[in-house]
Amino acid sequence: MSKMLRLLSYDITDSKRRRRLVKVMEGNARRVQYSVFETFMTEVELSALVSKTLPFVNTAEGDSLLVYRICGSCAKQRRAWGHLTIDWEEAIVV
């Protein structure tokens, strides 16, 4: 299976659930903004990550988790300003 760049963004209203979700995300992805993470993973790895985070997403309270798949040609066109730049061809996310 091929790995693809994934962008994950959350909006969690409860601080305790938000901290738990972030802890899971930080173990699997790189934080690029306060509520935005990037990772390079397969569909299977992504499904496992989402399964770990969904218990902290309460849609009845207005929470959300958004996941975007970014194709290889689009990922190469990614632009970043500021201190954070990631070379996904060289980066290894553990």
N, C-alpha and C. Protein backbone atom coordinates (compact mmCIF):
# COMPACT_ATOMS: atom_id res chain seq x y z
N MET A 1 0.84 -1.20 0.00
CA MET A 1 0.00 0.00 0.00
C MET A 1 0.87 1.24 0.00
N SER A 2 0.44 2.22 -0.73
CA SER A 2 1.24 3.44 -0.80
C SER A 2 0.83 4.42 0.28
N LYS A 3 1.83 5.14 0.75
CA LYS A 3 1.58 6.16 1.76
C LYS A 3 1.25 7.47 1.06
N MET A 4 0.40 8.24 1.69
CA MET A 4 0.03 9.54 1.16
C MET A 4 0.06 10.56 2.28
N LEU A 5 0.26 11.79 1.92
CA LEU A 5 0.20 12.88 2.88
C LEU A 5 -1.24 13.05 3.32
N ARG A 6 -1.45 13.14 4.61
CA ARG A 6 -2.79 13.31 5.17
C ARG A 6 -2.78 14.56 6.04
N LEU A 7 -3.85 15.31 5.95
CA LEU A 7 -4.04 16.50 6.78
C LEU A 7 -5.23 16.21 7.68
N LEU A 8 -5.05 16.35 8.98
CA LEU A 8 -6.10 16.09 9.94
C LEU A 8 -6.34 17.35 10.76
N SER A 9 -7.59 17.70 10.92
CA SER A 9 -7.95 18.90 11.66
C SER A 9 -9.09 18.56 12.61
N TYR A 10 -9.03 19.08 13.83
CA TYR A 10 -10.07 18.78 14.80
C TYR A 10 -10.63 20.07 15.39
N ASP A 11 -11.85 19.94 15.90
CA ASP A 11 -12.49 20.99 16.68
C ASP A 11 -13.26 20.27 17.78
N ILE A 12 -12.69 20.24 18.97
CA ILE A 12 -13.25 19.53 20.11
C ILE A 12 -13.59 20.53 21.20
N THR A 13 -14.84 20.52 21.66
CA THR A 13 -15.29 21.53 22.62
C THR A 13 -14.82 21.27 24.04
N ASP A 14 -14.69 20.03 24.43
CA ASP A 14 -14.33 19.67 25.81
C ASP A 14 -12.80 19.56 25.95
N SER A 15 -12.24 20.25 26.91
CA SER A 15 -10.78 20.29 27.08
C SER A 15 -10.19 18.91 27.38
N LYS A 16 -10.86 18.13 28.21
CA LYS A 16 -10.34 16.81 28.57
C LYS A 16 -10.30 15.89 27.34
N ARG A 17 -11.37 15.86 26.56
CA ARG A 17 -11.38 15.04 25.35
C ARG A 17 -10.40 15.56 24.32
N ARG A 18 -10.26 16.89 24.23
CA ARG A 18 -9.32 17.49 23.29
C ARG A 18 -7.89 17.09 23.64
N ARG A 19 -7.52 17.13 24.92
CA ARG A 19 -6.17 16.74 25.33
C ARG A 19 -5.90 15.27 25.00
N ARG A 20 -6.89 14.42 25.20
CA ARG A 20 -6.72 13.00 24.90
C ARG A 20 -6.55 12.78 23.39
N LEU A 21 -7.35 13.46 22.60
CA LEU A 21 -7.23 13.35 21.15
C LEU A 21 -5.85 13.82 20.69
N VAL A 22 -5.41 14.94 21.21
CA VAL A 22 -4.11 15.49 20.83
C VAL A 22 -2.99 14.52 21.19
N LYS A 23 -3.09 13.87 22.34
CA LYS A 23 -2.07 12.92 22.75
C LYS A 23 -1.96 11.78 21.73
N VAL A 24 -3.09 11.29 21.27
CA VAL A 24 -3.08 10.23 20.24
C VAL A 24 -2.48 10.77 18.94
N MET A 25 -2.92 11.96 18.54
CA MET A 25 -2.42 12.56 17.29
C MET A 25 -0.92 12.80 17.34
N GLU A 26 -0.44 13.33 18.46
CA GLU A 26 0.99 13.64 18.56
C GLU A 26 1.85 12.39 18.47
N GLY A 27 1.30 11.23 18.81
CA GLY A 27 2.04 9.99 18.69
C GLY A 27 2.05 9.44 17.27
N ASN A 28 1.26 10.05 16.38
CA ASN A 28 1.12 9.51 15.03
C ASN A 28 1.29 10.52 13.91
N ALA A 29 1.31 11.79 14.25
CA ALA A 29 1.37 12.84 13.23
C ALA A 29 2.15 14.03 13.78
N ARG A 30 2.45 14.95 12.89
CA ARG A 30 3.19 16.15 13.29
C ARG A 30 2.25 17.34 13.32
N ARG A 31 2.23 18.02 14.44
CA ARG A 31 1.37 19.20 14.60
C ARG A 31 1.95 20.36 13.79
N VAL A 32 1.11 20.94 12.92
CA VAL A 32 1.55 22.06 12.11
C VAL A 32 0.83 23.36 12.45
N GLN A 33 -0.29 23.23 13.10
CA GLN A 33 -1.04 24.37 13.63
C GLN A 33 -1.70 23.87 14.91
N TYR A 34 -2.35 24.76 15.65
CA TYR A 34 -2.93 24.35 16.93
C TYR A 34 -3.82 23.13 16.80
N SER A 35 -4.71 23.11 15.83
CA SER A 35 -5.64 21.98 15.69
C SER A 35 -5.48 21.26 14.34
N VAL A 36 -4.28 21.34 13.78
CA VAL A 36 -4.02 20.72 12.48
C VAL A 36 -2.75 19.87 12.56
N PHE A 37 -2.86 18.66 12.03
CA PHE A 37 -1.73 17.73 11.99
C PHE A 37 -1.52 17.25 10.57
N GLU A 38 -0.27 16.91 10.26
CA GLU A 38 0.08 16.28 8.99
C GLU A 38 0.75 14.95 9.30
N THR A 39 0.50 13.98 8.44
CA THR A 39 1.18 12.70 8.56
C THR A 39 1.27 12.05 7.19
N PHE A 40 2.15 11.11 7.07
CA PHE A 40 2.38 10.40 5.82
C PHE A 40 2.11 8.93 6.12
N MET A 41 0.95 8.42 5.69
CA MET A 41 0.57 7.06 6.06
C MET A 41 -0.33 6.42 5.02
N THR A 42 -0.49 5.11 5.16
CA THR A 42 -1.37 4.35 4.28
C THR A 42 -2.82 4.50 4.73
N GLU A 43 -3.73 4.01 3.92
CA GLU A 43 -5.15 4.04 4.28
C GLU A 43 -5.41 3.19 5.53
N VAL A 44 -4.73 2.07 5.64
CA VAL A 44 -4.90 1.19 6.81
C VAL A 44 -4.41 1.90 8.08
N GLU A 45 -3.24 2.55 7.99
CA GLU A 45 -2.71 3.28 9.14
C GLU A 45 -3.63 4.43 9.52
N LEU A 46 -4.17 5.12 8.51
CA LEU A 46 -5.10 6.21 8.77
C LEU A 46 -6.36 5.70 9.46
N SER A 47 -6.90 4.60 9.00
CA SER A 47 -8.10 4.03 9.63
C SER A 47 -7.85 3.69 11.09
N ALA A 48 -6.67 3.16 11.38
CA ALA A 48 -6.32 2.84 12.77
C ALA A 48 -6.24 4.11 13.62
N LEU A 49 -5.64 5.15 13.07
CA LEU A 49 -5.53 6.42 13.79
C LEU A 49 -6.92 7.02 14.05
N VAL A 50 -7.76 7.03 13.03
CA VAL A 50 -9.10 7.59 13.19
C VAL A 50 -9.88 6.78 14.23
N SER A 51 -9.74 5.47 14.22
CA SER A 51 -10.41 4.63 15.21
C SER A 51 -9.99 4.98 16.64
N LYS A 52 -8.73 5.35 16.81
CA LYS A 52 -8.24 5.73 18.14
C LYS A 52 -8.76 7.10 18.57
N THR A 53 -9.01 7.98 17.62
CA THR A 53 -9.40 9.35 17.96
C THR A 53 -10.92 9.55 18.05
N LEU A 54 -11.69 8.76 17.33
CA LEU A 54 -13.14 8.98 17.31
C LEU A 54 -13.83 8.91 18.67
N PRO A 55 -13.35 8.13 19.64
CA PRO A 55 -14.00 8.16 20.95
C PRO A 55 -13.98 9.54 21.63
N PHE A 56 -13.10 10.41 21.18
CA PHE A 56 -12.99 11.74 21.77
C PHE A 56 -13.78 12.80 21.00
N VAL A 57 -14.43 12.40 19.92
CA VAL A 57 -15.20 13.32 19.08
C VAL A 57 -16.69 13.12 19.39
N ASN A 58 -17.31 14.13 20.00
CA ASN A 58 -18.72 14.07 20.34
C ASN A 58 -19.48 15.00 19.40
N THR A 59 -20.02 14.43 18.34
CA THR A 59 -20.70 15.25 17.33
C THR A 59 -21.95 15.93 17.90
N ALA A 60 -22.56 15.34 18.93
CA ALA A 60 -23.73 15.95 19.55
C ALA A 60 -23.39 17.29 20.20
N GLU A 61 -22.13 17.46 20.58
CA GLU A 61 -21.67 18.71 21.18
C GLU A 61 -21.02 19.64 20.15
N GLY A 62 -21.05 19.25 18.88
CA GLY A 62 -20.48 20.10 17.83
C GLY A 62 -19.04 19.80 17.48
N ASP A 63 -18.49 18.72 18.01
CA ASP A 63 -17.10 18.35 17.70
C ASP A 63 -16.99 17.87 16.25
N SER A 64 -15.77 17.97 15.73
CA SER A 64 -15.52 17.45 14.38
C SER A 64 -14.07 17.03 14.23
N LEU A 65 -13.88 16.09 13.33
CA LEU A 65 -12.55 15.65 12.91
C LEU A 65 -12.59 15.59 11.39
N LEU A 66 -11.72 16.33 10.75
CA LEU A 66 -11.65 16.35 9.29
C LEU A 66 -10.34 15.72 8.85
N VAL A 67 -10.41 14.87 7.81
CA VAL A 67 -9.22 14.22 7.28
C VAL A 67 -9.20 14.45 5.78
N TYR A 68 -8.08 14.95 5.29
CA TYR A 68 -7.90 15.18 3.85
C TYR A 68 -6.76 14.34 3.35
N ARG A 69 -6.94 13.72 2.20
CA ARG A 69 -5.87 12.99 1.53
C ARG A 69 -5.28 13.94 0.50
N ILE A 70 -3.98 14.09 0.52
CA ILE A 70 -3.31 15.00 -0.41
C ILE A 70 -2.46 14.17 -1.36
N CYS A 71 -2.79 14.21 -2.63
CA CYS A 71 -2.08 13.40 -3.63
C CYS A 71 -0.62 13.84 -3.76
N GLY A 72 0.19 12.97 -4.34
CA GLY A 72 1.62 13.24 -4.47
C GLY A 72 1.94 14.51 -5.21
N SER A 73 1.26 14.77 -6.34
CA SER A 73 1.56 15.98 -7.10
C SER A 73 1.11 17.23 -6.33
N CYS A 74 0.02 17.12 -5.60
CA CYS A 74 -0.43 18.26 -4.79
C CYS A 74 0.50 18.49 -3.60
N ALA A 75 0.98 17.40 -2.99
CA ALA A 75 1.89 17.51 -1.85
C ALA A 75 3.17 18.22 -2.26
N LYS A 76 3.64 17.98 -3.47
CA LYS A 76 4.87 18.62 -3.95
C LYS A 76 4.67 20.13 -4.14
N GLN A 77 3.43 20.54 -4.31
CA GLN A 77 3.13 21.96 -4.50
C GLN A 77 2.82 22.66 -3.18
N ARG A 78 2.87 21.93 -2.11
CA ARG A 78 2.60 22.49 -0.78
C ARG A 78 3.58 23.62 -0.49
N ARG A 79 3.06 24.69 0.02
CA ARG A 79 3.89 25.84 0.38
C ARG A 79 3.73 26.13 1.85
N ALA A 80 4.82 26.50 2.49
CA ALA A 80 4.79 26.81 3.91
C ALA A 80 5.63 28.05 4.17
N TRP A 81 5.13 28.92 5.00
CA TRP A 81 5.87 30.10 5.44
C TRP A 81 6.00 30.01 6.94
N GLY A 82 7.10 30.43 7.46
CA GLY A 82 7.31 30.37 8.90
C GLY A 82 8.33 29.31 9.24
N HIS A 83 8.34 28.91 10.49
CA HIS A 83 9.39 28.03 11.00
C HIS A 83 9.22 26.57 10.64
N LEU A 84 8.01 26.15 10.27
CA LEU A 84 7.77 24.73 10.04
C LEU A 84 7.76 24.39 8.56
N THR A 85 8.71 23.60 8.14
CA THR A 85 8.70 23.04 6.79
C THR A 85 9.03 21.56 6.92
N ILE A 86 8.34 20.74 6.17
CA ILE A 86 8.54 19.30 6.24
C ILE A 86 8.85 18.78 4.85
N ASP A 87 9.93 18.06 4.74
CA ASP A 87 10.27 17.37 3.50
C ASP A 87 9.79 15.94 3.64
N TRP A 88 8.59 15.64 3.13
CA TRP A 88 7.99 14.33 3.32
C TRP A 88 8.74 13.23 2.60
N GLU A 89 9.57 13.56 1.64
CA GLU A 89 10.36 12.51 0.99
C GLU A 89 11.48 12.06 1.89
N GLU A 90 11.92 12.89 2.80
CA GLU A 90 13.01 12.56 3.72
C GLU A 90 12.50 12.26 5.13
N ALA A 91 11.32 12.79 5.47
CA ALA A 91 10.82 12.68 6.84
C ALA A 91 10.37 11.25 7.16
N ILE A 92 10.57 10.87 8.38
CA ILE A 92 10.06 9.60 8.88
C ILE A 92 9.22 9.93 10.12
N VAL A 93 7.95 9.55 10.07
CA VAL A 93 7.06 9.76 11.20
C VAL A 93 6.89 8.45 11.91
N VAL A 94 7.18 8.42 13.21
CA VAL A 94 7.07 7.19 13.99
C VAL A 94 5.87 7.27 14.89
